[in-house]
Protein backbone atom coordinates (compact mmCIF):
# COMPACT_ATOMS: atom_id res chain seq x y z
CA UNK A 1 -11.21 48.20 -87.00
CA UNK A 2 -8.69 49.14 -84.42
CA UNK A 3 -4.87 50.27 -84.65
CA UNK A 4 -2.75 49.86 -81.81
CA UNK A 5 -1.24 51.88 -79.32
CA UNK A 6 2.09 51.60 -80.95
CA UNK A 7 0.66 52.95 -84.06
CA UNK A 8 -0.35 55.73 -82.23
CA UNK A 9 3.03 56.04 -80.08
CA UNK A 10 4.72 55.75 -83.74
CA UNK A 11 2.90 58.78 -85.17
CA UNK A 12 3.18 61.24 -82.27
CA UNK A 13 7.40 60.06 -81.45
CA UNK A 14 7.44 61.43 -85.82
CA UNK A 15 5.75 64.02 -85.19
CA UNK A 16 7.70 64.94 -82.17
CA UNK A 17 11.29 64.19 -84.11
CA UNK A 18 9.85 66.30 -87.09
CA UNK A 19 9.02 68.86 -84.87
CA UNK A 20 12.29 69.17 -83.24
CA UNK A 21 14.49 68.62 -86.54
CA UNK A 22 16.46 72.03 -85.94
CA UNK A 23 18.01 70.10 -82.95
CA UNK A 24 18.23 67.07 -85.44
CA UNK A 25 18.47 64.19 -82.94
CA UNK A 26 16.28 63.29 -79.77
CA UNK A 27 17.36 60.74 -76.65
CA UNK A 28 14.85 58.23 -76.05
CA UNK A 29 14.60 59.47 -72.89
CA UNK A 30 13.19 62.74 -73.64
CA UNK A 31 10.94 61.42 -76.34
CA UNK A 32 9.52 58.62 -74.31
CA UNK A 33 9.26 61.68 -71.60
CA UNK A 34 7.26 63.70 -74.03
CA UNK A 35 4.86 60.58 -75.08
CA UNK A 36 4.13 59.26 -71.94
CA UNK A 37 5.18 55.98 -72.45
CA UNK A 38 8.03 53.91 -71.27
CA UNK A 39 11.63 53.85 -72.67
CA UNK A 40 11.42 50.12 -73.28
CA UNK A 41 8.59 50.09 -74.97
CA UNK A 42 8.94 53.09 -76.92
CA UNK A 43 12.16 51.47 -78.16
CA UNK A 44 10.53 48.60 -79.45
CA UNK A 45 8.70 50.87 -81.72
CA UNK A 46 11.73 53.22 -82.56
CA UNK A 47 13.39 49.72 -83.23
CA UNK A 48 10.77 48.91 -85.91
CA UNK A 49 10.70 52.47 -87.73
CA UNK A 50 14.54 52.44 -88.00
CA UNK A 51 14.54 48.78 -89.61
CA UNK A 52 12.08 50.16 -92.33
CA UNK A 53 14.27 53.32 -92.55
CA UNK A 54 11.60 55.76 -91.09
CA UNK A 55 13.77 57.07 -88.57
CA UNK A 56 17.88 56.65 -87.83
CA UNK A 57 19.67 56.14 -85.11
CA UNK A 58 22.34 58.36 -83.84
CA UNK A 59 24.96 56.64 -81.75
CA UNK A 60 26.75 58.01 -78.93
CA UNK A 61 26.41 60.11 -75.77
CA UNK A 62 24.25 62.86 -77.11
CA UNK A 63 22.75 60.47 -79.37
CA UNK A 64 19.09 59.33 -79.98
CA UNK A 65 16.64 59.45 -83.32
CA UNK A 66 16.21 61.55 -86.29
CA UNK A 67 13.59 61.07 -89.32
CA UNK A 68 15.40 59.53 -92.10
CA UNK A 69 14.02 61.28 -94.66
CA UNK A 70 11.99 64.61 -95.21
CA UNK A 71 8.84 64.62 -93.42
CA UNK A 72 6.67 64.92 -96.23
CA UNK A 73 7.98 61.68 -97.37
CA UNK A 74 6.53 59.82 -94.46
CA UNK A 75 3.29 59.09 -95.04
CA UNK A 76 0.23 57.78 -92.49
CA UNK A 77 -0.01 54.57 -94.45
CA UNK A 78 4.00 53.69 -93.73
CA UNK A 79 4.03 53.96 -90.46
CA UNK A 80 0.78 52.04 -89.91
CA UNK A 81 2.04 49.52 -92.17
CA UNK A 82 5.22 49.12 -90.17
CA UNK A 83 3.53 48.44 -87.03
CA UNK A 84 0.46 46.76 -88.05
CA UNK A 85 2.09 45.02 -90.68
CA UNK A 86 1.25 45.15 -94.40
CA UNK A 87 -1.37 42.11 -94.37
CA UNK A 88 -5.11 42.61 -96.47
CA UNK A 89 -7.56 43.40 -93.83
CA UNK A 90 -10.64 41.36 -95.20
CA UNK A 91 -10.11 38.49 -96.48
CA UNK A 92 -13.42 35.97 -97.39
CA UNK A 93 -13.63 32.91 -95.73
CA UNK A 94 -16.84 31.65 -97.12
CA UNK A 95 -15.47 31.42 -101.04
CA UNK A 96 -17.17 27.55 -100.66
CA UNK A 97 -20.11 28.18 -98.61
CA UNK A 98 -23.66 27.54 -100.34
CA UNK A 99 -24.74 31.03 -99.93
CA UNK A 100 -21.49 32.13 -101.67
CA UNK A 101 -22.17 30.11 -104.56
CA UNK A 102 -25.95 31.35 -104.44
CA UNK A 103 -24.83 35.21 -104.55
CA UNK A 104 -22.61 34.48 -107.77
CA UNK A 105 -24.79 31.99 -109.67
CA UNK A 106 -28.07 34.65 -109.00
CA UNK A 107 -26.02 37.70 -110.37
CA UNK A 108 -25.45 35.44 -113.48
CA UNK A 109 -27.46 34.81 -116.85
CA UNK A 110 -28.70 31.09 -117.14
CA UNK A 111 -26.66 31.14 -120.37
CA UNK A 112 -23.27 32.99 -118.89
CA UNK A 113 -21.28 29.47 -118.07
CA UNK A 114 -18.21 32.19 -117.62
CA UNK A 115 -19.74 33.40 -114.54
CA UNK A 116 -20.42 30.37 -113.20
CA UNK A 117 -16.71 29.33 -112.77
CA UNK A 118 -15.93 32.67 -111.49
CA UNK A 119 -16.11 32.71 -107.53
CA UNK A 120 -15.92 36.21 -106.97
CA UNK A 121 -16.71 37.35 -103.56
CA UNK A 122 -18.95 40.29 -103.39
CA UNK A 123 -18.38 41.02 -99.60
CA UNK A 124 -14.92 41.32 -100.36
CA UNK A 125 -15.04 43.03 -103.47
CA UNK A 126 -17.09 45.94 -101.27
CA UNK A 127 -14.25 45.45 -98.35
CA UNK A 128 -11.69 45.65 -100.78
CA UNK A 129 -12.59 49.27 -102.02
CA UNK A 130 -13.19 50.45 -98.80
CA UNK A 131 -9.47 49.24 -97.55
CA UNK A 132 -8.82 51.28 -100.93
CA UNK A 133 -10.13 54.52 -99.74
CA UNK A 134 -8.59 54.07 -96.87
CA UNK A 135 -4.84 53.79 -97.70
CA UNK A 136 -5.02 56.50 -100.51
CA UNK A 137 -6.88 58.82 -97.55
CA UNK A 138 -3.50 57.62 -95.40
CA UNK A 139 -1.15 58.26 -98.12
CA UNK A 140 -2.62 61.79 -98.75
CA UNK A 141 -1.31 62.33 -94.91
CA UNK A 142 1.93 62.82 -93.98
CA UNK A 143 3.96 63.90 -90.89
CA UNK A 144 4.49 66.89 -92.27
CA UNK A 145 1.13 67.85 -93.42
CA UNK A 146 -0.45 67.21 -89.58
CA UNK A 147 2.68 69.56 -88.26
CA UNK A 148 1.41 72.22 -91.08
CA UNK A 149 -2.08 72.35 -89.76
CA UNK A 150 -1.17 72.18 -86.18
CA UNK A 151 1.25 75.39 -87.18
CA UNK A 152 -1.93 76.80 -89.09
CA UNK A 153 -4.25 76.36 -85.70
CA UNK A 154 -1.73 77.50 -83.78
CA UNK A 155 -1.45 80.58 -85.46
CA UNK A 156 -5.19 81.01 -86.06
CA UNK A 157 -5.48 81.16 -82.30
CA UNK A 158 -3.12 83.64 -81.62
CA UNK A 159 -4.49 85.96 -84.46
CA UNK A 160 -8.12 85.32 -82.09
CA UNK A 161 -6.04 86.49 -78.89
CA UNK A 162 -4.85 89.93 -80.56
């Protein structure tokens, strides 16, 4: 599984906005220069984030983008789902195959007629579990938690130099 560059840029843009909250909004020129990405490409990403209520566009000459909610409320999962979509990562395409039916029948006792009617894909069950764990992990990490970690590392590096 691989996330797109758009997800990478979206997360970094949000970190930049979160770090710059004291100045409120950041123009697309400054944001694109900071991330090293074209303004037009970044504008499309920011538009998606705006439509989903993660950022707010500030109109005007001195306008730009700002976080629409506190950084601790913006999870990595939120951002990934906006950029990549909210579809399931894995879907069994083999549920009608003979191999799939044999797996279902091998797990059932001969007298257990209930199981013969069920077609739960065991591969899909494992992959679904992995997806749930990934989603939970991404839900636990927010823009704020990454900024806090960066600040902590910066403090530790300063302490080492002294």
